[in-house]
C-alpha atoms as a PDB file:
ATOM      1  CA  MET A   1      36.061 167.340  48.166  1.00  0.00           C
ATOM      2  CA  ASN A   2      36.809 171.072  47.899  1.00  0.00           C
ATOM      3  CA  LEU A   3      38.779 173.189  50.358  1.00  0.00           C
ATOM      4  CA  GLN A   4      35.663 174.724  51.921  1.00  0.00           C
ATOM      5  CA  MET A   5      34.254 171.297  52.794  1.00  0.00           C
ATOM      6  CA  LEU A   6      37.571 170.209  54.312  1.00  0.00           C
ATOM      7  CA  LEU A   7      37.666 173.327  56.466  1.00  0.00           C
ATOM      8  CA  LEU A   8      34.069 172.824  57.593  1.00  0.00           C
ATOM      9  CA  ARG A   9      34.694 169.187  58.476  1.00  0.00           C
ATOM     10  CA  GLY A  10      37.849 170.093  60.377  1.00  0.00           C
ATOM     11  CA  SER A  11      36.016 172.836  62.252  1.00  0.00           C
ATOM     12  CA  SER A  12      33.182 170.466  63.156  1.00  0.00           C
ATOM     13  CA  THR A  13      35.588 167.774  64.395  1.00  0.00           C
ATOM     14  CA  ALA A  14      37.463 170.276  66.528  1.00  0.00           C
ATOM     15  CA  HIS A  15      34.172 171.572  67.961  1.00  0.00           C
ATOM     16  CA  VAL A  16      32.982 168.082  68.951  1.00  0.00           C
ATOM     17  CA  SER A  17      36.410 167.118  70.318  1.00  0.00           C
ATOM     18  CA  TRP A  18      36.539 170.240  72.476  1.00  0.00           C
ATOM     19  CA  HIS A  19      33.142 169.537  74.028  1.00  0.00           C
ATOM     20  CA  PHE A  20      34.038 165.899  74.626  1.00  0.00           C
ATOM     21  CA  LEU A  21      37.184 166.863  76.526  1.00  0.00           C
ATOM     22  CA  LYS A  22      35.455 169.675  78.407  1.00  0.00           C
ATOM     23  CA  ASN A  23      32.624 167.418  79.577  1.00  0.00           C
ATOM     24  CA  PHE A  24      35.038 164.643  80.487  1.00  0.00           C
ATOM     25  CA  PHE A  25      36.961 166.911  82.860  1.00  0.00           C
ATOM     26  CA  LEU A  26      33.711 168.370  84.222  1.00  0.00           C
ATOM     27  CA  LEU A  27      32.334 164.961  85.256  1.00  0.00           C
ATOM     28  CA  PRO A  28      33.063 165.573  88.984  1.00  0.00           C
ATOM     29  CA  TYR A  29      31.202 168.894  88.795  1.00  0.00           C
ATOM     30  CA  TYR A  30      28.226 167.278  87.058  1.00  0.00           C
ATOM     31  CA  ALA A  31      28.185 164.539  89.706  1.00  0.00           C
ATOM     32  CA  VAL A  32      27.891 167.159  92.425  1.00  0.00           C
ATOM     33  CA  ARG A  33      25.130 169.016  90.576  1.00  0.00           C
ATOM     34  CA  ASP A  34      22.974 165.965  89.789  1.00  0.00           C
ATOM     35  CA  ARG A  35      24.392 162.619  90.825  1.00  0.00           C
ATOM     36  CA  ALA A  36      21.222 160.676  89.958  1.00  0.00           C
ATOM     37  CA  PHE A  37      21.149 161.925  86.363  1.00  0.00           C
ATOM     38  CA  LEU A  38      24.849 161.211  85.824  1.00  0.00           C
ATOM     39  CA  TYR A  39      24.378 157.728  87.272  1.00  0.00           C
ATOM     40  CA  GLN A  40      21.493 157.143  84.872  1.00  0.00           C
ATOM     41  CA  GLN A  41      23.641 158.199  81.907  1.00  0.00           C
ATOM     42  CA  MET A  42      26.544 155.983  82.960  1.00  0.00           C
ATOM     43  CA  ARG A  43      24.211 153.050  83.508  1.00  0.00           C
ATOM     44  CA  ALA A  44      22.720 153.477  80.027  1.00  0.00           C
ATOM     45  CA  PHE A  45      26.238 153.646  78.559  1.00  0.00           C
ATOM     46  CA  VAL A  46      27.276 150.428  80.305  1.00  0.00           C
ATOM     47  CA  ALA A  47      24.084 148.682  79.142  1.00  0.00           C
ATOM     48  CA  ASN A  48      24.807 149.722  75.552  1.00  0.00           C
ATOM     49  CA  VAL A  49      28.342 148.338  75.770  1.00  0.00           C
ATOM     50  CA  ILE A  50      27.050 145.052  77.240  1.00  0.00           C
ATOM     51  CA  ASN A  51      24.592 144.721  74.343  1.00  0.00           C
ATOM     52  CA  LEU A  52      26.970 145.587  71.507  1.00  0.00           C
ATOM     53  CA  GLU A  53      27.024 141.904  70.567  1.00  0.00           C
ATOM     54  CA  LYS A  54      23.280 142.052  69.936  1.00  0.00           C
ATOM     55  CA  GLU A  55      23.808 144.845  67.417  1.00  0.00           C
ATOM     56  CA  TYR A  56      26.232 142.740  65.379  1.00  0.00           C
ATOM     57  CA  GLN A  57      24.817 139.215  65.654  1.00  0.00           C
ATOM     58  CA  THR A  58      22.995 138.163  62.481  1.00  0.00           C
ATOM     59  CA  ARG A  59      20.579 135.421  63.543  1.00  0.00           C
ATOM     60  CA  VAL A  60      17.856 137.725  64.860  1.00  0.00           C
ATOM     61  CA  GLU A  61      17.523 140.451  62.258  1.00  0.00           C
ATOM     62  CA  ARG A  62      17.418 144.052  63.448  1.00  0.00           C
ATOM     63  CA  VAL A  63      14.707 146.331  62.065  1.00  0.00           C
ATOM     64  CA  ASN A  64      14.169 150.039  62.660  1.00  0.00           C
ATOM     65  CA  TRP A  65      10.761 151.723  62.847  1.00  0.00           C
ATOM     66  CA  MET A  66      10.449 151.842  59.057  1.00  0.00           C
ATOM     67  CA  GLY A  67      11.293 148.153  58.928  1.00  0.00           C
ATOM     68  CA  LEU A  68       8.626 147.426  61.512  1.00  0.00           C
ATOM     69  CA  GLN A  69       6.087 149.305  59.397  1.00  0.00           C
ATOM     70  CA  LYS A  70       6.917 147.047  56.448  1.00  0.00           C
ATOM     71  CA  LEU A  71       6.754 143.909  58.567  1.00  0.00           C
ATOM     72  CA  VAL A  72       3.175 144.573  59.650  1.00  0.00           C
ATOM     73  CA  ASN A  73       2.042 146.356  56.458  1.00  0.00           C
ATOM     74  CA  GLY A  74       1.314 149.278  58.741  1.00  0.00           C
ATOM     75  CA  HIS A  75       0.276 152.836  58.101  1.00  0.00           C
ATOM     76  CA  ASP A  76       0.455 156.110  59.993  1.00  0.00           C
ATOM     77  CA  PRO A  77      -1.033 155.116  63.330  1.00  0.00           C
ATOM     78  CA  SER A  78      -3.334 156.685  65.850  1.00  0.00           C
ATOM     79  CA  LEU A  79      -2.207 155.058  69.077  1.00  0.00           C
ATOM     80  CA  ARG A  80      -3.301 155.004  72.701  1.00  0.00           C
ATOM     81  CA  PHE A  81      -0.475 154.748  75.213  1.00  0.00           C
ATOM     82  CA  ARG A  82       0.369 155.877  78.708  1.00  0.00           C
ATOM     83  CA  PHE A  83       3.378 157.202  80.580  1.00  0.00           C
ATOM     84  CA  GLY A  84       4.556 155.984  83.975  1.00  0.00           C
ATOM     85  CA  ALA A  85       6.469 152.777  83.202  1.00  0.00           C
ATOM     86  CA  ARG A  86       8.079 151.373  86.361  1.00  0.00           C
ATOM     87  CA  TYR A  87      10.211 148.405  87.323  1.00  0.00           C
ATOM     88  CA  GLY A  88       8.896 145.296  85.590  1.00  0.00           C
ATOM     89  CA  ASN A  89       7.088 147.193  82.802  1.00  0.00           C
ATOM     90  CA  VAL A  90       7.859 147.538  79.121  1.00  0.00           C
ATOM     91  CA  SER A  91       9.663 150.775  78.287  1.00  0.00           C
ATOM     92  CA  PHE A  92       8.056 153.761  76.571  1.00  0.00           C
ATOM     93  CA  ALA A  93       9.449 152.707  73.168  1.00  0.00           C
ATOM     94  CA  GLU A  94       8.304 149.117  73.740  1.00  0.00           C
ATOM     95  CA  SER A  95       4.799 150.226  74.667  1.00  0.00           C
ATOM     96  CA  LEU A  96       4.659 152.112  71.349  1.00  0.00           C
ATOM     97  CA  VAL A  97       5.720 148.975  69.458  1.00  0.00           C
ATOM     98  CA  LEU A  98       3.057 146.853  71.176  1.00  0.00           C
ATOM     99  CA  ALA A  99       0.416 149.494  70.510  1.00  0.00           C
ATOM    100  CA  TYR A 100       1.486 149.722  66.859  1.00  0.00           C
ATOM    101  CA  LEU A 101       1.422 145.935  66.422  1.00  0.00           C
ATOM    102  CA  VAL A 102      -2.163 145.785  67.676  1.00  0.00           C
ATOM    103  CA  GLU A 103      -3.290 148.831  65.706  1.00  0.00           C
ATOM    104  CA  SER A 104      -1.743 147.513  62.470  1.00  0.00           C
ATOM    105  CA  LEU A 105      -2.446 143.780  62.763  1.00  0.00           C
ATOM    106  CA  GLN A 106      -5.946 144.225  64.254  1.00  0.00           C
ATOM    107  CA  PRO A 107      -5.868 140.854  66.014  1.00  0.00           C
ATOM    108  CA  ARG A 108      -9.199 139.317  66.895  1.00  0.00           C
ATOM    109  CA  ARG A 109      -7.655 137.604  69.914  1.00  0.00           C
ATOM    110  CA  VAL A 110      -4.498 138.435  71.878  1.00  0.00           C
ATOM    111  CA  PHE A 111      -2.849 136.231  74.482  1.00  0.00           C
ATOM    112  CA  GLU A 112      -0.354 137.632  76.975  1.00  0.00           C
ATOM    113  CA  ILE A 113       1.822 135.404  79.160  1.00  0.00           C
ATOM    114  CA  GLY A 114       2.798 137.500  82.184  1.00  0.00           C
ATOM    115  CA  THR A 115       0.237 140.134  83.200  1.00  0.00           C
ATOM    116  CA  PHE A 116       2.184 141.774  86.042  1.00  0.00           C
ATOM    117  CA  ASP A 117       0.413 145.080  86.881  1.00  0.00           C
ATOM    118  CA  GLY A 118      -1.287 145.287  83.471  1.00  0.00           C
ATOM    119  CA  PHE A 119       0.853 148.042  81.915  1.00  0.00           C
ATOM    120  CA  SER A 120       1.512 146.064  78.734  1.00  0.00           C
ATOM    121  CA  THR A 121      -2.028 144.623  78.836  1.00  0.00           C
ATOM    122  CA  TYR A 122      -3.318 148.207  78.718  1.00  0.00           C
ATOM    123  CA  HIS A 123      -1.546 148.826  75.397  1.00  0.00           C
ATOM    124  CA  LEU A 124      -2.662 145.498  73.945  1.00  0.00           C
ATOM    125  CA  ALA A 125      -6.304 146.205  74.835  1.00  0.00           C
ATOM    126  CA  MET A 126      -6.575 149.947  74.178  1.00  0.00           C
ATOM    127  CA  ASN A 127      -5.302 149.794  70.591  1.00  0.00           C
ATOM    128  CA  GLY A 128      -7.418 146.938  69.264  1.00  0.00           C
ATOM    129  CA  SER A 129     -10.881 146.867  67.776  1.00  0.00           C
ATOM    130  CA  THR A 130     -13.888 147.189  70.056  1.00  0.00           C
ATOM    131  CA  ASP A 131     -14.705 143.481  69.732  1.00  0.00           C
ATOM    132  CA  ALA A 132     -11.137 142.199  70.220  1.00  0.00           C
ATOM    133  CA  GLU A 133     -10.470 139.819  73.114  1.00  0.00           C
ATOM    134  CA  VAL A 134      -7.318 139.949  75.251  1.00  0.00           C
ATOM    135  CA  TYR A 135      -6.430 136.972  77.431  1.00  0.00           C
ATOM    136  CA  THR A 136      -3.694 137.528  79.989  1.00  0.00           C
ATOM    137  CA  LEU A 137      -2.164 134.850  82.218  1.00  0.00           C
ATOM    138  CA  ASN A 138      -0.315 135.364  85.507  1.00  0.00           C
ATOM    139  CA  LEU A 139       0.766 133.308  88.483  1.00  0.00           C
ATOM    140  CA  PRO A 140      -1.410 133.838  91.569  1.00  0.00           C
ATOM    141  CA  VAL A 141       0.346 136.061  94.099  1.00  0.00           C
ATOM    142  CA  GLU A 142      -1.301 135.154  97.391  1.00  0.00           C
ATOM    143  CA  GLU A 143       1.636 133.152  98.759  1.00  0.00           C
ATOM    144  CA  ASP A 144       4.077 134.735 101.216  1.00  0.00           C
ATOM    145  CA  GLY A 145       7.739 134.934 100.323  1.00  0.00           C
ATOM    146  CA  PRO A 146       9.321 133.811  97.023  1.00  0.00           C
ATOM    147  CA  ASN A 147       7.031 131.713  94.880  1.00  0.00           C
ATOM    148  CA  ALA A 148       8.111 128.075  94.870  1.00  0.00           C
ATOM    149  CA  GLN A 149       6.733 127.701  91.354  1.00  0.00           C
ATOM    150  CA  LEU A 150       9.499 129.981  90.107  1.00  0.00           C
ATOM    151  CA  ALA A 151      12.324 127.798  91.451  1.00  0.00           C
ATOM    152  CA  ARG A 152      13.567 126.678  88.050  1.00  0.00           C
ATOM    153  CA  GLY A 153      17.333 126.877  88.119  1.00  0.00           C
ATOM    154  CA  VAL A 154      19.509 128.751  90.571  1.00  0.00           C
ATOM    155  CA  ASP A 155      20.720 131.598  88.387  1.00  0.00           C
ATOM    156  CA  ILE A 156      19.928 135.308  88.117  1.00  0.00           C
ATOM    157  CA  GLU A 157      16.745 134.660  86.136  1.00  0.00           C
ATOM    158  CA  TYR A 158      15.185 132.869  89.117  1.00  0.00           C
ATOM    159  CA  PHE A 159      16.015 135.692  91.530  1.00  0.00           C
ATOM    160  CA  GLY A 160      14.843 138.355  89.067  1.00  0.00           C
ATOM    161  CA  ASP A 161      11.522 136.641  88.488  1.00  0.00           C
ATOM    162  CA  ASN A 162      10.931 136.274  92.213  1.00  0.00           C
ATOM    163  CA  LYS A 163      11.738 139.949  92.783  1.00  0.00           C
ATOM    164  CA  THR A 164       9.119 140.820  90.163  1.00  0.00           C
ATOM    165  CA  HIS A 165       6.614 138.449  91.769  1.00  0.00           C
ATOM    166  CA  LEU A 166       7.097 139.999  95.213  1.00  0.00           C
ATOM    167  CA  GLU A 167       6.808 143.535  93.795  1.00  0.00           C
ATOM    168  CA  LEU A 168       3.495 142.578  92.211  1.00  0.00           C
ATOM    169  CA  LYS A 169       1.967 141.942  95.630  1.00  0.00           C
ATOM    170  CA  ARG A 170       2.154 145.685  96.274  1.00  0.00           C
ATOM    171  CA  ARG A 171       0.671 146.751  92.935  1.00  0.00           C
ATOM    172  CA  GLY A 172      -1.961 144.102  92.280  1.00  0.00           C
ATOM    173  CA  VAL A 173      -2.288 141.904  89.205  1.00  0.00           C
ATOM    174  CA  GLY A 174      -3.655 143.896  86.271  1.00  0.00           C
ATOM    175  CA  SER A 175      -4.302 147.024  88.323  1.00  0.00           C
ATOM    176  CA  ILE A 176      -3.491 149.323  85.380  1.00  0.00           C
ATOM    177  CA  TYR A 177      -5.681 147.753  82.707  1.00  0.00           C
ATOM    178  CA  ARG A 178      -8.525 147.259  85.218  1.00  0.00           C
ATOM    179  CA  ALA A 179      -8.748 151.050  85.587  1.00  0.00           C
ATOM    180  CA  SER A 180      -8.857 151.648  81.818  1.00  0.00           C
ATOM    181  CA  PRO A 181     -11.799 151.980  79.396  1.00  0.00           C
ATOM    182  CA  ALA A 182     -10.685 148.708  77.764  1.00  0.00           C
ATOM    183  CA  ALA A 183     -11.023 146.610  80.911  1.00  0.00           C
ATOM    184  CA  GLY A 184     -14.086 144.872  79.472  1.00  0.00           C
ATOM    185  CA  LYS A 185     -12.000 143.368  76.640  1.00  0.00           C
ATOM    186  CA  VAL A 186      -9.608 141.605  79.006  1.00  0.00           C
ATOM    187  CA  ARG A 187     -10.038 138.096  80.408  1.00  0.00           C
ATOM    188  CA  GLN A 188      -7.744 137.607  83.378  1.00  0.00           C
ATOM    189  CA  LEU A 189      -6.432 134.060  83.795  1.00  0.00           C
ATOM    190  CA  PHE A 190      -4.388 132.609  86.646  1.00  0.00           C
ATOM    191  CA  GLY A 191      -2.027 129.680  86.523  1.00  0.00           C
ATOM    192  CA  ASP A 192       1.496 128.505  85.764  1.00  0.00           C
ATOM    193  CA  SER A 193       2.281 128.688  82.048  1.00  0.00           C
ATOM    194  CA  MET A 194       4.404 125.539  82.451  1.00  0.00           C
ATOM    195  CA  THR A 195       1.290 123.488  83.254  1.00  0.00           C
ATOM    196  CA  PHE A 196      -1.583 125.674  82.002  1.00  0.00           C
ATOM    197  CA  ASP A 197      -3.991 124.093  79.486  1.00  0.00           C
ATOM    198  CA  PHE A 198      -3.691 126.187  76.321  1.00  0.00           C
ATOM    199  CA  SER A 199      -5.697 123.766  74.166  1.00  0.00           C
ATOM    200  CA  PRO A 200      -8.907 125.908  74.121  1.00  0.00           C
ATOM    201  CA  TYR A 201      -6.927 128.606  72.291  1.00  0.00           C
ATOM    202  CA  CYS A 202      -5.226 126.321  69.743  1.00  0.00           C
ATOM    203  CA  GLY A 203      -4.994 128.051  66.345  1.00  0.00           C
ATOM    204  CA  LYS A 204      -7.167 130.981  67.490  1.00  0.00           C
ATOM    205  CA  ILE A 205      -4.702 133.664  68.640  1.00  0.00           C
ATOM    206  CA  ASP A 206      -3.465 136.390  66.296  1.00  0.00           C
ATOM    207  CA  LEU A 207      -0.923 137.973  68.661  1.00  0.00           C
ATOM    208  CA  VAL A 208       0.940 136.353  71.557  1.00  0.00           C
ATOM    209  CA  PHE A 209       3.068 138.451  73.895  1.00  0.00           C
ATOM    210  CA  ILE A 210       5.540 136.437  75.987  1.00  0.00           C
ATOM    211  CA  ASP A 211       6.795 138.154  79.131  1.00  0.00           C
ATOM    212  CA  GLY A 212       6.578 135.473  81.807  1.00  0.00           C
ATOM    213  CA  GLY A 213       9.380 133.480  83.415  1.00  0.00           C
ATOM    214  CA  HIS A 214      12.819 134.257  82.034  1.00  0.00           C
ATOM    215  CA  SER A 215      14.551 130.903  82.548  1.00  0.00           C
ATOM    216  CA  LEU A 216      15.402 128.814  79.497  1.00  0.00           C
ATOM    217  CA  GLU A 217      12.852 126.230  80.581  1.00  0.00           C
ATOM    218  CA  CYS A 218      10.099 128.857  80.837  1.00  0.00           C
ATOM    219  CA  VAL A 219      10.750 130.724  77.601  1.00  0.00           C
ATOM    220  CA  THR A 220      11.037 127.426  75.687  1.00  0.00           C
ATOM    221  CA  LYS A 221       7.727 126.111  77.032  1.00  0.00           C
ATOM    222  CA  ASP A 222       5.964 129.475  76.595  1.00  0.00           C
ATOM    223  CA  THR A 223       7.114 129.635  72.979  1.00  0.00           C
ATOM    224  CA  GLU A 224       5.905 126.092  72.297  1.00  0.00           C
ATOM    225  CA  SER A 225       2.527 127.060  73.765  1.00  0.00           C
ATOM    226  CA  ALA A 226       2.456 130.261  71.696  1.00  0.00           C
ATOM    227  CA  LEU A 227       3.150 128.360  68.483  1.00  0.00           C
ATOM    228  CA  SER A 228       0.288 125.975  69.224  1.00  0.00           C
ATOM    229  CA  MET A 229      -2.101 128.902  69.767  1.00  0.00           C
ATOM    230  CA  LEU A 230      -1.014 130.924  66.730  1.00  0.00           C
ATOM    231  CA  SER A 231      -3.488 131.496  63.892  1.00  0.00           C
ATOM    232  CA  ASP A 232      -2.419 131.457  60.244  1.00  0.00           C
ATOM    233  CA  ARG A 233      -1.874 135.239  60.430  1.00  0.00           C
ATOM    234  CA  GLY A 234      -0.441 135.244  63.926  1.00  0.00           C
ATOM    235  CA  VAL A 235       2.608 136.988  65.394  1.00  0.00           C
ATOM    236  CA  ILE A 236       4.618 136.231  68.530  1.00  0.00           C
ATOM    237  CA  ALA A 237       6.357 139.044  70.436  1.00  0.00           C
ATOM    238  CA  TRP A 238       8.914 138.290  73.148  1.00  0.00           C
ATOM    239  CA  HIS A 239      10.087 140.775  75.758  1.00  0.00           C
ATOM    240  CA  ASP A 240      13.618 141.025  77.239  1.00  0.00           C
ATOM    241  CA  PHE A 241      15.698 140.070  74.223  1.00  0.00           C
ATOM    242  CA  ASN A 242      18.998 141.400  75.565  1.00  0.00           C
ATOM    243  CA  VAL A 243      22.236 140.025  76.962  1.00  0.00           C
ATOM    244  CA  GLN A 244      21.208 140.728  80.559  1.00  0.00           C
ATOM    245  CA  HIS A 245      18.401 138.150  80.187  1.00  0.00           C
ATOM    246  CA  ARG A 246      20.804 135.467  79.080  1.00  0.00           C
ATOM    247  CA  ASP A 247      18.306 132.608  78.722  1.00  0.00           C
ATOM    248  CA  VAL A 248      15.875 134.640  76.590  1.00  0.00           C
ATOM    249  CA  TYR A 249      18.790 135.883  74.476  1.00  0.00           C
ATOM    250  CA  ARG A 250      20.201 132.374  74.088  1.00  0.00           C
ATOM    251  CA  PHE A 251      16.809 130.862  73.238  1.00  0.00           C
ATOM    252  CA  LEU A 252      15.884 133.420  70.576  1.00  0.00           C
ATOM    253  CA  ARG A 253      19.219 133.142  68.807  1.00  0.00           C
ATOM    254  CA  GLU A 254      18.654 129.383  68.548  1.00  0.00           C
ATOM    255  CA  PHE A 255      14.999 129.857  67.570  1.00  0.00           C
ATOM    256  CA  ALA A 256      16.062 132.194  64.752  1.00  0.00           C
ATOM    257  CA  LYS A 257      18.066 129.388  63.122  1.00  0.00           C
ATOM    258  CA  THR A 258      14.837 127.788  61.927  1.00  0.00           C
ATOM    259  CA  ARG A 259      12.280 130.632  61.916  1.00  0.00           C
ATOM    260  CA  LYS A 260      12.712 134.171  60.629  1.00  0.00           C
ATOM    261  CA  THR A 261      12.938 136.383  63.699  1.00  0.00           C
ATOM    262  CA  TYR A 262      13.344 140.138  64.085  1.00  0.00           C
ATOM    263  CA  TRP A 263      14.073 142.539  66.908  1.00  0.00           C
ATOM    264  CA  VAL A 264      13.089 146.187  66.923  1.00  0.00           C
ATOM    265  CA  ALA A 265      16.110 148.450  67.393  1.00  0.00           C
ATOM    266  CA  GLY A 266      16.058 150.460  70.592  1.00  0.00           C
ATOM    267  CA  THR A 267      13.838 147.915  72.364  1.00  0.00           C
ATOM    268  CA  ARG A 268      14.029 144.472  73.938  1.00  0.00           C
ATOM    269  CA  LEU A 269      11.223 143.135  71.709  1.00  0.00           C
ATOM    270  CA  ALA A 270      11.657 140.267  69.232  1.00  0.00           C
ATOM    271  CA  LEU A 271       9.037 139.250  66.664  1.00  0.00           C
ATOM    272  CA  SER A 272       8.247 136.191  64.561  1.00  0.00           C
ATOM    273  CA  GLY A 273       5.272 134.537  62.915  1.00  0.00           C
ATOM    274  CA  PRO A 274       3.354 134.056  59.657  1.00  0.00           C
ATOM    275  CA  GLY A 275       1.626 137.416  60.073  1.00  0.00           C
ATOM    276  CA  LEU A 276       4.849 139.307  59.334  1.00  0.00           C
ATOM    277  CA  ALA A 277       5.769 140.327  55.807  1.00  0.00           C
ATOM    278  CA  SER A 278       9.333 140.021  54.527  1.00  0.00           C
ATOM    279  CA  CYS A 279      11.453 143.008  55.421  1.00  0.00           C
END
C-alpha cells in the first residue's frame, strides 16, 4: 500500500471518528429536537444487538437478495406492493420478499395460516397469476376478551398472540385484501389451525405462509400441516424468525437440522421446500 493510500485511509478514519464522537455528545440535543426518532433508532440498535446470534448461527442459512433470486430461479421482477404496514403486519422488506416469491414461483395455490388484516394476503394475491387461488385461515374474532383458544403456554408468545387477536377486532379480518383488485382470488377460511382439517389441500399447495400462533406447539403443528399440503414444487415461508419470538426461533433451528432452511437477511422470513434451488 503506497503512502497516498495510507494518508487517505487515515483521513477517512479520523473523519468517521470525529462524527461518531460529535454525535455521541449531541445525543441530548437530538433527543430534545426529535425524541421519537431517536427512540426509534435506539430501539433498532437494541434489536440488532439482541439478534446478533442469528447472524452467526449456521443451521438456518442466511441469504441476501441475490441469494434469494438464485433460490427461486427468479428474474427482474415487476411487483405489486403497498405501504402502510402497522403493528402485526410484515415489514416493507418482508412484503417485497413475499411478492417476489409469488411473482417468481407462480404458485397455482397459496395457503396462508394467519390472515390478520390481510396485509400479507394482499401481496400473496396481487403478485400471482390471474387464475391463482389464495386460501387464508384465521381464528374467528367475535369473542370478547382474550381468545381462550390461544391459551397455549403462559409465556410471552401467548400474551403477544392475544394482543394481536384483540387488535384485529378493530381492523377486521382481511380488510386490506378485501379492498384490493385481487379480492376475488382469495378464499377466506375460519378455524383453529391446531384442529383445522387440511386434508382437502394435501399435496396441492405450492406456497405456504405460516404466520399464526407463535408458541412452539402452534408453529410445530402448522409446519406439519404445511408439509402435508406441499406440492412437489412447493415452498414454505415462516414469519418471525428472530430471537424475540423464541419458540419460532427455537423450532426453525431444530427444523434446519434435517431440512435445508434459509432466512432472508434484513427480514424475519425463513424459507424451505423442494421448490427452492441450491444456493
